Amino acid sequence: MGIVKIDDQLHEDIRRASAVMVRSINAQAEYWIKIGMLAETNPSMTFSEIVREQMKQADINVREVVGG
């Protein structure tokens, strides 16, 4: 584990988003970093496509989870 220095305003944005998304501040930052890396390496994919592909790779059927 390492320490990453980030701008105070970005930290505040992460803190507020983490409360909404019911994640820890670290988990929210990790999520944004992962999504950002995936977006950079897959520029033709939308956010929804990236999330759908990650769910598929994790063998999660969202329709089954939410009952749809």
N, C-alpha and C. Protein backbone atom coordinates (compact mmCIF):
# COMPACT_ATOMS: atom_id res chain seq x y z
N MET A 1 0.85 -1.17 0.00
CA MET A 1 0.00 0.00 0.00
C MET A 1 0.89 1.23 0.00
N GLY A 2 0.47 2.24 -0.72
CA GLY A 2 1.23 3.46 -0.79
C GLY A 2 0.38 4.66 -0.46
N ILE A 3 1.01 5.79 -0.40
CA ILE A 3 0.31 7.04 -0.13
C ILE A 3 0.33 7.86 -1.42
N VAL A 4 -0.83 8.36 -1.80
CA VAL A 4 -0.95 9.19 -2.99
C VAL A 4 -1.40 10.58 -2.55
N LYS A 5 -0.64 11.59 -2.92
CA LYS A 5 -1.03 12.96 -2.59
C LYS A 5 -1.97 13.47 -3.68
N ILE A 6 -3.12 13.96 -3.25
CA ILE A 6 -4.08 14.54 -4.19
C ILE A 6 -4.50 15.91 -3.70
N ASP A 7 -5.03 16.68 -4.60
CA ASP A 7 -5.52 18.02 -4.31
C ASP A 7 -6.63 17.96 -3.25
N ASP A 8 -6.66 18.94 -2.37
CA ASP A 8 -7.67 18.98 -1.31
C ASP A 8 -9.10 18.96 -1.86
N GLN A 9 -9.35 19.69 -2.95
CA GLN A 9 -10.69 19.73 -3.53
C GLN A 9 -11.08 18.37 -4.08
N LEU A 10 -10.15 17.67 -4.72
CA LEU A 10 -10.43 16.33 -5.22
C LEU A 10 -10.74 15.39 -4.06
N HIS A 11 -10.02 15.51 -2.98
CA HIS A 11 -10.29 14.68 -1.80
C HIS A 11 -11.70 14.94 -1.28
N GLU A 12 -12.09 16.20 -1.26
CA GLU A 12 -13.45 16.55 -0.80
C GLU A 12 -14.50 15.97 -1.75
N ASP A 13 -14.24 16.04 -3.06
CA ASP A 13 -15.17 15.46 -4.04
C ASP A 13 -15.29 13.96 -3.84
N ILE A 14 -14.17 13.30 -3.59
CA ILE A 14 -14.18 11.85 -3.35
C ILE A 14 -14.96 11.54 -2.07
N ARG A 15 -14.74 12.33 -1.03
CA ARG A 15 -15.44 12.11 0.24
C ARG A 15 -16.95 12.23 0.04
N ARG A 16 -17.40 13.27 -0.66
CA ARG A 16 -18.83 13.46 -0.88
C ARG A 16 -19.40 12.36 -1.75
N ALA A 17 -18.69 11.97 -2.81
CA ALA A 17 -19.16 10.90 -3.68
C ALA A 17 -19.21 9.57 -2.94
N SER A 18 -18.25 9.34 -2.06
CA SER A 18 -18.22 8.08 -1.33
C SER A 18 -19.43 7.93 -0.42
N ALA A 19 -19.92 9.02 0.12
CA ALA A 19 -21.11 8.97 0.97
C ALA A 19 -22.34 8.60 0.14
N VAL A 20 -22.44 9.17 -1.04
CA VAL A 20 -23.57 8.89 -1.92
C VAL A 20 -23.53 7.44 -2.40
N MET A 21 -22.34 6.96 -2.75
CA MET A 21 -22.19 5.63 -3.33
C MET A 21 -22.01 4.54 -2.26
N VAL A 22 -22.05 4.92 -0.99
CA VAL A 22 -21.92 4.00 0.15
C VAL A 22 -20.62 3.19 0.03
N ARG A 23 -19.54 3.93 -0.20
CA ARG A 23 -18.21 3.34 -0.26
C ARG A 23 -17.32 4.11 0.70
N SER A 24 -16.23 3.49 1.10
CA SER A 24 -15.23 4.24 1.86
C SER A 24 -14.58 5.24 0.90
N ILE A 25 -13.91 6.22 1.46
CA ILE A 25 -13.21 7.19 0.63
C ILE A 25 -12.17 6.47 -0.24
N ASN A 26 -11.43 5.54 0.35
CA ASN A 26 -10.43 4.79 -0.43
C ASN A 26 -11.08 3.97 -1.53
N ALA A 27 -12.20 3.31 -1.22
CA ALA A 27 -12.88 2.49 -2.23
C ALA A 27 -13.39 3.36 -3.37
N GLN A 28 -13.89 4.55 -3.07
CA GLN A 28 -14.37 5.46 -4.11
C GLN A 28 -13.21 5.89 -5.00
N ALA A 29 -12.09 6.25 -4.39
CA ALA A 29 -10.91 6.65 -5.16
C ALA A 29 -10.44 5.50 -6.04
N GLU A 30 -10.38 4.29 -5.49
CA GLU A 30 -9.97 3.12 -6.27
C GLU A 30 -10.92 2.88 -7.44
N TYR A 31 -12.21 3.04 -7.21
CA TYR A 31 -13.20 2.85 -8.27
C TYR A 31 -12.97 3.85 -9.39
N TRP A 32 -12.83 5.12 -9.04
CA TRP A 32 -12.60 6.13 -10.07
C TRP A 32 -11.30 5.89 -10.82
N ILE A 33 -10.26 5.48 -10.11
CA ILE A 33 -8.98 5.19 -10.77
C ILE A 33 -9.14 4.03 -11.75
N LYS A 34 -9.80 2.96 -11.31
CA LYS A 34 -9.99 1.80 -12.18
C LYS A 34 -10.81 2.16 -13.41
N ILE A 35 -11.93 2.86 -13.21
CA ILE A 35 -12.76 3.26 -14.34
C ILE A 35 -11.98 4.18 -15.28
N GLY A 36 -11.22 5.09 -14.72
CA GLY A 36 -10.41 5.99 -15.55
C GLY A 36 -9.38 5.25 -16.38
N MET A 37 -8.71 4.26 -15.77
CA MET A 37 -7.73 3.46 -16.50
C MET A 37 -8.41 2.67 -17.61
N LEU A 38 -9.58 2.07 -17.30
CA LEU A 38 -10.31 1.32 -18.31
C LEU A 38 -10.78 2.23 -19.44
N ALA A 39 -11.22 3.43 -19.11
CA ALA A 39 -11.67 4.38 -20.13
C ALA A 39 -10.51 4.80 -21.03
N GLU A 40 -9.35 5.03 -20.45
CA GLU A 40 -8.19 5.42 -21.26
C GLU A 40 -7.73 4.30 -22.18
N THR A 41 -7.82 3.07 -21.72
CA THR A 41 -7.36 1.95 -22.54
C THR A 41 -8.44 1.42 -23.47
N ASN A 42 -9.67 1.91 -23.32
CA ASN A 42 -10.79 1.52 -24.18
C ASN A 42 -11.57 2.76 -24.60
N PRO A 43 -10.95 3.67 -25.34
CA PRO A 43 -11.58 4.96 -25.63
C PRO A 43 -12.86 4.89 -26.44
N SER A 44 -13.11 3.78 -27.11
CA SER A 44 -14.34 3.69 -27.91
C SER A 44 -15.53 3.19 -27.09
N MET A 45 -15.28 2.78 -25.84
CA MET A 45 -16.36 2.27 -25.00
C MET A 45 -16.97 3.37 -24.13
N THR A 46 -18.29 3.30 -23.94
CA THR A 46 -18.95 4.23 -23.03
C THR A 46 -18.76 3.72 -21.59
N PHE A 47 -19.10 4.57 -20.64
CA PHE A 47 -19.04 4.17 -19.24
C PHE A 47 -19.89 2.93 -19.00
N SER A 48 -21.12 2.93 -19.54
CA SER A 48 -22.02 1.79 -19.36
C SER A 48 -21.43 0.51 -19.95
N GLU A 49 -20.80 0.62 -21.09
CA GLU A 49 -20.18 -0.56 -21.72
C GLU A 49 -19.03 -1.08 -20.87
N ILE A 50 -18.26 -0.17 -20.30
CA ILE A 50 -17.14 -0.57 -19.43
C ILE A 50 -17.67 -1.32 -18.22
N VAL A 51 -18.68 -0.76 -17.56
CA VAL A 51 -19.25 -1.40 -16.37
C VAL A 51 -19.86 -2.75 -16.74
N ARG A 52 -20.59 -2.80 -17.84
CA ARG A 52 -21.21 -4.06 -18.27
C ARG A 52 -20.14 -5.12 -18.53
N GLU A 53 -19.05 -4.75 -19.17
CA GLU A 53 -17.97 -5.70 -19.45
C GLU A 53 -17.30 -6.17 -18.16
N GLN A 54 -17.11 -5.26 -17.21
CA GLN A 54 -16.51 -5.65 -15.92
C GLN A 54 -17.43 -6.62 -15.17
N MET A 55 -18.74 -6.37 -15.21
CA MET A 55 -19.70 -7.28 -14.57
C MET A 55 -19.66 -8.64 -15.24
N LYS A 56 -19.59 -8.63 -16.56
CA LYS A 56 -19.53 -9.90 -17.31
C LYS A 56 -18.27 -10.68 -16.93
N GLN A 57 -17.13 -9.99 -16.85
CA GLN A 57 -15.87 -10.65 -16.48
C GLN A 57 -15.92 -11.20 -15.06
N ALA A 58 -16.71 -10.57 -14.20
CA ALA A 58 -16.86 -11.03 -12.82
C ALA A 58 -17.98 -12.08 -12.71
N ASP A 59 -18.56 -12.44 -13.84
CA ASP A 59 -19.64 -13.43 -13.90
C ASP A 59 -20.85 -13.00 -13.06
N ILE A 60 -21.21 -11.72 -13.20
CA ILE A 60 -22.37 -11.17 -12.50
C ILE A 60 -23.43 -10.82 -13.53
N ASN A 61 -24.62 -11.39 -13.38
CA ASN A 61 -25.75 -11.07 -14.24
C ASN A 61 -26.62 -10.07 -13.47
N VAL A 62 -26.52 -8.81 -13.84
CA VAL A 62 -27.21 -7.75 -13.09
C VAL A 62 -28.71 -7.97 -13.10
N ARG A 63 -29.26 -8.46 -14.17
CA ARG A 63 -30.71 -8.69 -14.23
C ARG A 63 -31.14 -9.73 -13.19
N GLU A 64 -30.31 -10.73 -12.98
CA GLU A 64 -30.63 -11.72 -11.95
C GLU A 64 -30.52 -11.12 -10.56
N VAL A 65 -29.53 -10.26 -10.36
CA VAL A 65 -29.31 -9.65 -9.05
C VAL A 65 -30.47 -8.74 -8.67
N VAL A 66 -30.96 -7.94 -9.63
CA VAL A 66 -32.02 -6.98 -9.32
C VAL A 66 -33.40 -7.54 -9.64
N GLY A 67 -33.47 -8.77 -10.11
CA GLY A 67 -34.76 -9.42 -10.33
C GLY A 67 -35.46 -8.98 -11.60
N GLY A 68 -34.70 -8.63 -12.64
CA GLY A 68 -35.34 -8.16 -13.87
C GLY A 68 -35.20 -9.07 -15.04
